[in-house]
Each structure stands twice: as structure tokens, then as C-alpha cells.
PDB file of N, CA and C in Angstrom:
ATOM      1  N   MET A   1      65.024  84.221 144.930  1.00  0.00           N
ATOM      2  CA  MET A   1      65.976  84.579 143.882  1.00  0.00           C
ATOM      3  C   MET A   1      67.023  83.367 143.819  1.00  0.00           C
ATOM      4  N   GLU A   2      67.328  83.078 142.695  1.00  0.00           N
ATOM      5  CA  GLU A   2      68.104  82.087 142.502  1.00  0.00           C
ATOM      6  C   GLU A   2      69.650  82.589 142.383  1.00  0.00           C
ATOM      7  N   THR A   3      70.636  81.695 143.064  1.00  0.00           N
ATOM      8  CA  THR A   3      71.923  82.110 142.924  1.00  0.00           C
ATOM      9  C   THR A   3      72.464  81.476 141.631  1.00  0.00           C
ATOM     10  N   PRO A   4      73.528  82.313 140.996  1.00  0.00           N
ATOM     11  CA  PRO A   4      74.063  81.650 139.786  1.00  0.00           C
ATOM     12  C   PRO A   4      74.980  80.583 140.096  1.00  0.00           C
ATOM     13  N   SER A   5      75.189  79.521 139.190  1.00  0.00           N
ATOM     14  CA  SER A   5      76.124  78.423 139.541  1.00  0.00           C
ATOM     15  C   SER A   5      77.581  78.837 139.303  1.00  0.00           C
ATOM     16  N   PRO A   6      78.547  78.207 139.863  1.00  0.00           N
ATOM     17  CA  PRO A   6      79.749  78.565 139.783  1.00  0.00           C
ATOM     18  C   PRO A   6      80.259  78.510 138.270  1.00  0.00           C
ATOM     19  N   ASP A   7      79.621  77.513 137.561  1.00  0.00           N
ATOM     20  CA  ASP A   7      79.974  77.420 136.151  1.00  0.00           C
ATOM     21  C   ASP A   7      79.515  78.625 135.340  1.00  0.00           C
ATOM     22  N   SER A   8      78.334  79.194 135.752  1.00  0.00           N
ATOM     23  CA  SER A   8      77.971  80.337 134.898  1.00  0.00           C
ATOM     24  C   SER A   8      78.684  81.590 135.371  1.00  0.00           C
ATOM     25  N   LYS A   9      79.150  81.718 136.591  1.00  0.00           N
ATOM     26  CA  LYS A   9      80.094  82.829 136.932  1.00  0.00           C
ATOM     27  C   LYS A   9      81.489  82.579 136.203  1.00  0.00           C
ATOM     28  N   ALA A  10      81.980  81.634 136.113  1.00  0.00           N
ATOM     29  CA  ALA A  10      83.249  81.350 135.418  1.00  0.00           C
ATOM     30  C   ALA A  10      83.108  81.684 133.869  1.00  0.00           C
ATOM     31  N   GLU A  11      81.941  81.363 133.268  1.00  0.00           N
ATOM     32  CA  GLU A  11      81.696  81.582 131.833  1.00  0.00           C
ATOM     33  C   GLU A  11      81.551  83.043 131.811  1.00  0.00           C
ATOM     34  N   GLU A  12      80.745  83.651 132.634  1.00  0.00           N
ATOM     35  CA  GLU A  12      80.669  85.113 132.569  1.00  0.00           C
ATOM     36  C   GLU A  12      82.077  85.905 132.708  1.00  0.00           C
ATOM     37  N   THR A  13      82.851  85.538 133.621  1.00  0.00           N
ATOM     38  CA  THR A  13      84.213  86.078 133.782  1.00  0.00           C
ATOM     39  C   THR A  13      84.941  85.856 132.494  1.00  0.00           C
ATOM     40  N   THR A  14      85.096  84.594 131.828  1.00  0.00           N
ATOM     41  CA  THR A  14      85.728  84.393 130.723  1.00  0.00           C
ATOM     42  C   THR A  14      85.256  85.413 129.476  1.00  0.00           C
ATOM     43  N   ASN A  15      83.976  85.536 129.314  1.00  0.00           N
ATOM     44  CA  ASN A  15      83.493  86.394 128.250  1.00  0.00           C
ATOM     45  C   ASN A  15      83.866  87.861 128.454  1.00  0.00           C
ATOM     46  N   ALA A  16      83.837  88.222 129.829  1.00  0.00           N
ATOM     47  CA  ALA A  16      84.290  89.481 130.113  1.00  0.00           C
ATOM     48  C   ALA A  16      85.839  89.761 129.792  1.00  0.00           C
ATOM     49  N   MET A  17      86.456  88.794 129.934  1.00  0.00           N
ATOM     50  CA  MET A  17      87.962  88.903 129.756  1.00  0.00           C
ATOM     51  C   MET A  17      88.464  88.851 128.317  1.00  0.00           C
ATOM     52  N   GLN A  18      87.434  88.457 127.599  1.00  0.00           N
ATOM     53  CA  GLN A  18      87.768  88.275 126.161  1.00  0.00           C
ATOM     54  C   GLN A  18      87.275  89.502 125.213  1.00  0.00           C
ATOM     55  N   THR A  19      87.257  90.618 125.833  1.00  0.00           N
ATOM     56  CA  THR A  19      86.715  91.790 125.174  1.00  0.00           C
ATOM     57  C   THR A  19      87.677  92.302 123.961  1.00  0.00           C
ATOM     58  N   PRO A  20      87.286  92.860 123.046  1.00  0.00           N
ATOM     59  CA  PRO A  20      88.220  93.318 121.965  1.00  0.00           C
ATOM     60  C   PRO A  20      89.541  93.962 122.456  1.00  0.00           C
ATOM     61  N   GLU A  21      89.208  94.843 123.524  1.00  0.00           N
ATOM     62  CA  GLU A  21      90.491  95.598 123.991  1.00  0.00           C
ATOM     63  C   GLU A  21      91.564  94.536 124.665  1.00  0.00           C
ATOM     64  N   ASN A  22      91.059  93.540 125.356  1.00  0.00           N
ATOM     65  CA  ASN A  22      92.117  92.546 125.828  1.00  0.00           C
ATOM     66  C   ASN A  22      92.742  91.702 124.827  1.00  0.00           C
ATOM     67  N   THR A  23      92.092  91.349 123.855  1.00  0.00           N
ATOM     68  CA  THR A  23      92.663  90.541 122.895  1.00  0.00           C
ATOM     69  C   THR A  23      93.710  91.385 122.060  1.00  0.00           C
ATOM     70  N   GLU A  24      93.182  92.636 121.825  1.00  0.00           N
ATOM     71  CA  GLU A  24      94.246  93.553 120.933  1.00  0.00           C
ATOM     72  C   GLU A  24      95.369  93.739 121.906  1.00  0.00           C
ATOM     73  N   LEU A  25      95.371  93.969 123.122  1.00  0.00           N
ATOM     74  CA  LEU A  25      96.492  94.155 123.931  1.00  0.00           C
ATOM     75  C   LEU A  25      97.282  93.056 123.945  1.00  0.00           C
ATOM     76  N   ALA A  26      96.737  91.742 124.053  1.00  0.00           N
ATOM     77  CA  ALA A  26      97.614  90.542 124.108  1.00  0.00           C
ATOM     78  C   ALA A  26      98.347  90.364 122.796  1.00  0.00           C
ATOM     79  N   LYS A  27      97.575  90.741 121.651  1.00  0.00           N
ATOM     80  CA  LYS A  27      98.266  90.710 120.351  1.00  0.00           C
ATOM     81  C   LYS A  27      99.397  91.613 120.256  1.00  0.00           C
ATOM     82  N   ARG A  28      99.099  92.786 120.687  1.00  0.00           N
ATOM     83  CA  ARG A  28     100.195  93.971 120.593  1.00  0.00           C
ATOM     84  C   ARG A  28     101.394  93.430 121.576  1.00  0.00           C
ATOM     85  N   ARG A  29     101.119  92.860 122.691  1.00  0.00           N
ATOM     86  CA  ARG A  29     102.295  92.415 123.649  1.00  0.00           C
ATOM     87  C   ARG A  29     103.050  91.159 123.021  1.00  0.00           C
ATOM     88  N   ARG A  30     102.300  90.304 122.308  1.00  0.00           N
ATOM     89  CA  ARG A  30     103.003  89.232 121.652  1.00  0.00           C
ATOM     90  C   ARG A  30     103.958  89.802 120.640  1.00  0.00           C
ATOM     91  N   ILE A  31     103.494  90.597 119.726  1.00  0.00           N
ATOM     92  CA  ILE A  31     104.306  91.205 118.689  1.00  0.00           C
ATOM     93  C   ILE A  31     105.502  92.021 119.392  1.00  0.00           C
ATOM     94  N   GLY A  32     105.108  92.690 120.539  1.00  0.00           N
ATOM     95  CA  GLY A  32     106.305  93.487 121.317  1.00  0.00           C
ATOM     96  C   GLY A  32     107.400  92.611 121.817  1.00  0.00           C
ATOM     97  N   VAL A  33     107.058  91.411 122.341  1.00  0.00           N
ATOM     98  CA  VAL A  33     108.047  90.533 122.816  1.00  0.00           C
ATOM     99  C   VAL A  33     108.817  89.889 121.583  1.00  0.00           C
ATOM    100  N   PHE A  34     108.059  89.573 120.607  1.00  0.00           N
ATOM    101  CA  PHE A  34     108.878  89.175 119.416  1.00  0.00           C
ATOM    102  C   PHE A  34     109.861  90.158 118.803  1.00  0.00           C
ATOM    103  N   MET A  35     109.377  91.461 118.645  1.00  0.00           N
ATOM    104  CA  MET A  35     110.364  92.530 118.383  1.00  0.00           C
ATOM    105  C   MET A  35     111.482  92.598 119.271  1.00  0.00           C
ATOM    106  N   VAL A  36     111.277  92.505 120.511  1.00  0.00           N
ATOM    107  CA  VAL A  36     112.282  92.795 121.540  1.00  0.00           C
ATOM    108  C   VAL A  36     113.482  91.615 121.279  1.00  0.00           C
ATOM    109  N   ALA A  37     112.899  90.388 121.191  1.00  0.00           N
ATOM    110  CA  ALA A  37     113.871  89.322 120.884  1.00  0.00           C
ATOM    111  C   ALA A  37     114.548  89.331 119.799  1.00  0.00           C
ATOM    112  N   ILE A  38     113.983  89.732 118.628  1.00  0.00           N
ATOM    113  CA  ILE A  38     114.768  89.893 117.294  1.00  0.00           C
ATOM    114  C   ILE A  38     115.720  91.063 117.410  1.00  0.00           C
ATOM    115  N   GLY A  39     115.173  92.158 118.220  1.00  0.00           N
ATOM    116  CA  GLY A  39     116.150  93.306 118.382  1.00  0.00           C
ATOM    117  C   GLY A  39     117.375  92.988 119.292  1.00  0.00           C
ATOM    118  N   ALA A  40     117.072  92.258 120.278  1.00  0.00           N
ATOM    119  CA  ALA A  40     118.240  91.746 121.096  1.00  0.00           C
ATOM    120  C   ALA A  40     119.239  90.814 120.372  1.00  0.00           C
ATOM    121  N   PHE A  41     118.715  89.904 119.530  1.00  0.00           N
ATOM    122  CA  PHE A  41     119.547  89.076 118.742  1.00  0.00           C
ATOM    123  C   PHE A  41     120.275  89.848 117.705  1.00  0.00           C
ATOM    124  N   LEU A  42     119.995  90.817 117.060  1.00  0.00           N
ATOM    125  CA  LEU A  42     120.471  91.742 116.135  1.00  0.00           C
ATOM    126  C   LEU A  42     121.546  92.582 116.894  1.00  0.00           C
ATOM    127  N   CYS A  43     121.310  93.041 118.124  1.00  0.00           N
ATOM    128  CA  CYS A  43     122.351  93.887 118.756  1.00  0.00           C
ATOM    129  C   CYS A  43     123.599  92.870 119.074  1.00  0.00           C
ATOM    130  N   VAL A  44     123.287  91.813 119.591  1.00  0.00           N
ATOM    131  CA  VAL A  44     124.270  90.891 119.913  1.00  0.00           C
ATOM    132  C   VAL A  44     125.072  90.369 118.862  1.00  0.00           C
ATOM    133  N   PHE A  45     124.418  90.025 117.648  1.00  0.00           N
ATOM    134  CA  PHE A  45     124.953  89.647 116.460  1.00  0.00           C
ATOM    135  C   PHE A  45     125.787  90.648 115.957  1.00  0.00           C
ATOM    136  N   GLY A  46     125.290  91.998 115.863  1.00  0.00           N
ATOM    137  CA  GLY A  46     126.148  93.141 115.488  1.00  0.00           C
ATOM    138  C   GLY A  46     127.376  93.472 116.053  1.00  0.00           C
ATOM    139  N   PHE A  47     127.271  93.245 117.418  1.00  0.00           N
ATOM    140  CA  PHE A  47     128.411  93.369 118.265  1.00  0.00           C
ATOM    141  C   PHE A  47     129.489  92.325 118.158  1.00  0.00           C
ATOM    142  N   LEU A  48     129.106  91.154 117.773  1.00  0.00           N
ATOM    143  CA  LEU A  48     129.951  90.022 117.775  1.00  0.00           C
ATOM    144  C   LEU A  48     130.547  90.234 116.314  1.00  0.00           C
ATOM    145  N   ILE A  49     130.008  90.592 115.316  1.00  0.00           N
ATOM    146  CA  ILE A  49     130.404  90.645 113.925  1.00  0.00           C
ATOM    147  C   ILE A  49     131.386  91.930 113.992  1.00  0.00           C
ATOM    148  N   THR A  50     131.058  93.003 114.719  1.00  0.00           N
ATOM    149  CA  THR A  50     131.898  94.198 114.850  1.00  0.00           C
ATOM    150  C   THR A  50     133.330  93.804 115.497  1.00  0.00           C
ATOM    151  N   ILE A  51     133.321  92.998 116.499  1.00  0.00           N
ATOM    152  CA  ILE A  51     134.444  92.558 117.216  1.00  0.00           C
ATOM    153  C   ILE A  51     135.343  91.810 116.262  1.00  0.00           C
ATOM    154  N   PHE A  52     134.705  90.826 115.595  1.00  0.00           N
ATOM    155  CA  PHE A  52     135.524  89.941 114.635  1.00  0.00           C
ATOM    156  C   PHE A  52     135.860  90.774 113.492  1.00  0.00           C
ATOM    157  N   LEU A  53     135.276  91.721 112.820  1.00  0.00           N
ATOM    158  CA  LEU A  53     135.887  92.560 111.835  1.00  0.00           C
ATOM    159  C   LEU A  53     136.955  93.424 112.396  1.00  0.00           C
ATOM    160  N   LEU A  54     136.747  93.802 113.519  1.00  0.00           N
ATOM    161  CA  LEU A  54     137.883  94.810 114.119  1.00  0.00           C
ATOM    162  C   LEU A  54     139.186  94.059 114.338  1.00  0.00           C
ATOM    163  N   GLN A  55     139.033  92.834 114.798  1.00  0.00           N
ATOM    164  CA  GLN A  55     140.157  91.966 114.976  1.00  0.00           C
ATOM    165  C   GLN A  55     141.002  91.738 113.628  1.00  0.00           C
ATOM    166  N   HIS A  56     140.188  91.683 112.468  1.00  0.00           N
ATOM    167  CA  HIS A  56     140.886  91.407 111.256  1.00  0.00           C
ATOM    168  C   HIS A  56     141.069  92.807 110.349  1.00  0.00           C
ATOM    169  N   GLU A  57     140.976  93.879 111.056  1.00  0.00           N
ATOM    170  CA  GLU A  57     141.069  95.271 110.484  1.00  0.00           C
ATOM    171  C   GLU A  57     140.497  95.379 109.151  1.00  0.00           C
ATOM    172  N   VAL A  58     139.153  95.155 109.208  1.00  0.00           N
ATOM    173  CA  VAL A  58     138.255  95.089 108.122  1.00  0.00           C
ATOM    174  C   VAL A  58     137.213  96.347 108.450  1.00  0.00           C
ATOM    175  N   ASN A  59     136.759  96.970 107.493  1.00  0.00           N
ATOM    176  CA  ASN A  59     135.704  97.858 107.775  1.00  0.00           C
ATOM    177  C   ASN A  59     134.396  97.229 108.357  1.00  0.00           C
ATOM    178  N   PHE A  60     134.013  97.778 109.581  1.00  0.00           N
ATOM    179  CA  PHE A  60     133.045  97.278 110.539  1.00  0.00           C
ATOM    180  C   PHE A  60     131.889  98.266 110.448  1.00  0.00           C
ATOM    181  N   ASN A  61     131.776  99.214 109.758  1.00  0.00           N
ATOM    182  CA  ASN A  61     130.664 100.360 109.803  1.00  0.00           C
ATOM    183  C   ASN A  61     129.289  99.733 109.624  1.00  0.00           C
ATOM    184  N   VAL A  62     129.126  98.728 108.636  1.00  0.00           N
ATOM    185  CA  VAL A  62     127.819  98.043 108.235  1.00  0.00           C
ATOM    186  C   VAL A  62     127.372  97.408 109.461  1.00  0.00           C
ATOM    187  N   ALA A  63     128.209  96.447 109.983  1.00  0.00           N
ATOM    188  CA  ALA A  63     127.774  95.709 111.236  1.00  0.00           C
ATOM    189  C   ALA A  63     127.552  96.629 112.352  1.00  0.00           C
ATOM    190  N   LEU A  64     128.418  97.694 112.626  1.00  0.00           N
ATOM    191  CA  LEU A  64     128.210  98.372 113.771  1.00  0.00           C
ATOM    192  C   LEU A  64     127.009  99.299 113.674  1.00  0.00           C
ATOM    193  N   TYR A  65     126.781  99.959 112.453  1.00  0.00           N
ATOM    194  CA  TYR A  65     125.783 100.924 112.435  1.00  0.00           C
ATOM    195  C   TYR A  65     124.444 100.181 111.819  1.00  0.00           C
ATOM    196  N   GLY A  66     124.588  99.252 111.071  1.00  0.00           N
ATOM    197  CA  GLY A  66     123.416  98.560 110.353  1.00  0.00           C
ATOM    198  C   GLY A  66     122.700  97.525 111.268  1.00  0.00           C
ATOM    199  N   ALA A  67     123.383  96.499 111.707  1.00  0.00           N
ATOM    200  CA  ALA A  67     122.710  95.522 112.489  1.00  0.00           C
ATOM    201  C   ALA A  67     122.329  95.874 113.918  1.00  0.00           C
ATOM    202  N   THR A  68     123.338  96.461 114.563  1.00  0.00           N
ATOM    203  CA  THR A  68     123.242  96.990 115.879  1.00  0.00           C
ATOM    204  C   THR A  68     122.240  98.143 115.963  1.00  0.00           C
ATOM    205  N   GLY A  69     122.320  98.876 115.012  1.00  0.00           N
ATOM    206  CA  GLY A  69     121.231 100.048 115.067  1.00  0.00           C
ATOM    207  C   GLY A  69     119.883  99.712 114.736  1.00  0.00           C
ATOM    208  N   PHE A  70     119.797  98.759 113.763  1.00  0.00           N
ATOM    209  CA  PHE A  70     118.240  98.168 113.547  1.00  0.00           C
ATOM    210  C   PHE A  70     117.842  97.413 114.839  1.00  0.00           C
ATOM    211  N   GLY A  71     118.740  96.761 115.397  1.00  0.00           N
ATOM    212  CA  GLY A  71     118.443  95.958 116.489  1.00  0.00           C
ATOM    213  C   GLY A  71     118.052  96.778 117.701  1.00  0.00           C
ATOM    214  N   GLY A  72     118.619  97.926 117.910  1.00  0.00           N
ATOM    215  CA  GLY A  72     118.255  98.989 118.886  1.00  0.00           C
ATOM    216  C   GLY A  72     116.811  99.594 118.475  1.00  0.00           C
ATOM    217  N   VAL A  73     116.604  99.820 117.266  1.00  0.00           N
ATOM    218  CA  VAL A  73     115.381 100.390 116.934  1.00  0.00           C
ATOM    219  C   VAL A  73     114.339  99.313 117.111  1.00  0.00           C
ATOM    220  N   LEU A  74     114.441  98.048 116.894  1.00  0.00           N
ATOM    221  CA  LEU A  74     113.429  96.993 117.241  1.00  0.00           C
ATOM    222  C   LEU A  74     113.121  96.916 118.756  1.00  0.00           C
ATOM    223  N   LEU A  75     114.279  96.982 119.381  1.00  0.00           N
ATOM    224  CA  LEU A  75     114.193  96.883 120.874  1.00  0.00           C
ATOM    225  C   LEU A  75     113.253  97.881 121.554  1.00  0.00           C
ATOM    226  N   LEU A  76     113.654  99.155 121.068  1.00  0.00           N
ATOM    227  CA  LEU A  76     112.629 100.285 121.406  1.00  0.00           C
ATOM    228  C   LEU A  76     111.111 100.210 121.157  1.00  0.00           C
ATOM    229  N   GLY A  77     111.058  99.773 119.802  1.00  0.00           N
ATOM    230  CA  GLY A  77     109.825  99.581 119.326  1.00  0.00           C
ATOM    231  C   GLY A  77     108.993  98.473 119.909  1.00  0.00           C
ATOM    232  N   GLY A  78     109.765  97.357 120.220  1.00  0.00           N
ATOM    233  CA  GLY A  78     109.083  96.190 121.020  1.00  0.00           C
ATOM    234  C   GLY A  78     108.619  96.640 122.420  1.00  0.00           C
ATOM    235  N   MET A  79     109.520  97.575 123.026  1.00  0.00           N
ATOM    236  CA  MET A  79     109.176  97.841 124.428  1.00  0.00           C
ATOM    237  C   MET A  79     108.100  98.849 124.323  1.00  0.00           C
ATOM    238  N   ALA A  80     107.906  99.705 123.390  1.00  0.00           N
ATOM    239  CA  ALA A  80     106.736 100.622 123.274  1.00  0.00           C
ATOM    240  C   ALA A  80     105.443  99.693 122.972  1.00  0.00           C
ATOM    241  N   ALA A  81     105.542  98.719 122.224  1.00  0.00           N
ATOM    242  CA  ALA A  81     104.376  97.839 121.984  1.00  0.00           C
ATOM    243  C   ALA A  81     104.003  97.198 123.075  1.00  0.00           C
ATOM    244  N   ILE A  82     104.926  96.656 123.972  1.00  0.00           N
ATOM    245  CA  ILE A  82     104.601  95.916 125.248  1.00  0.00           C
ATOM    246  C   ILE A  82     103.917  96.858 126.170  1.00  0.00           C
ATOM    247  N   MET A  83     104.429  98.119 126.314  1.00  0.00           N
ATOM    248  CA  MET A  83     103.780  99.085 127.236  1.00  0.00           C
ATOM    249  C   MET A  83     102.618  99.556 126.943  1.00  0.00           C
ATOM    250  N   GLY A  84     102.145  99.411 125.613  1.00  0.00           N
ATOM    251  CA  GLY A  84     100.925  99.743 125.119  1.00  0.00           C
ATOM    252  C   GLY A  84     100.891 101.170 124.743  1.00  0.00           C
TER     253      GLY A  84
END
């Protein structure tokens, strides 16, 4: 009986790792990380704009509830996508 060469074992392992489930999971995680990054940016941006508008006594509802709220939704959606 012939023992498989190390190259064929590595090739077999690589092919097994590239099943559709693994590539789909990697794609979903990549999208999730992107969503978390954009959501975090929007939360920080909304917070900074809210503080700036509050200092100038201007209506800050759009920045507070719009950007920060949408950022929070993206954060949660991104975390759900990362978790699978």
C-alpha cells in the first residue's frame, strides 16, 4: 500500500476547507466586519455631531436619532452576520 505524499495531503485538506459552507461563512463574516466598522463610525460621528450641535443650541434630533440610531442598527446587524 502506498502512503500519500505530503503534497497530496495538503491539497486534499485545502480542497476540503474550500467547501461552499466555508466560503459562504467567510463572505458573511467579511460583510459583518464591514457593517460593524461602518456602524461604529456612524455612532461616533453621530455622537460628535450631537455634542457640537448641543453646544450651539441647535436642534440635534437628526444627528442623535438618525446617524447614531442607524449606526447602532448596523452594529447589531454586523454582529449577527459575524456570529453566523
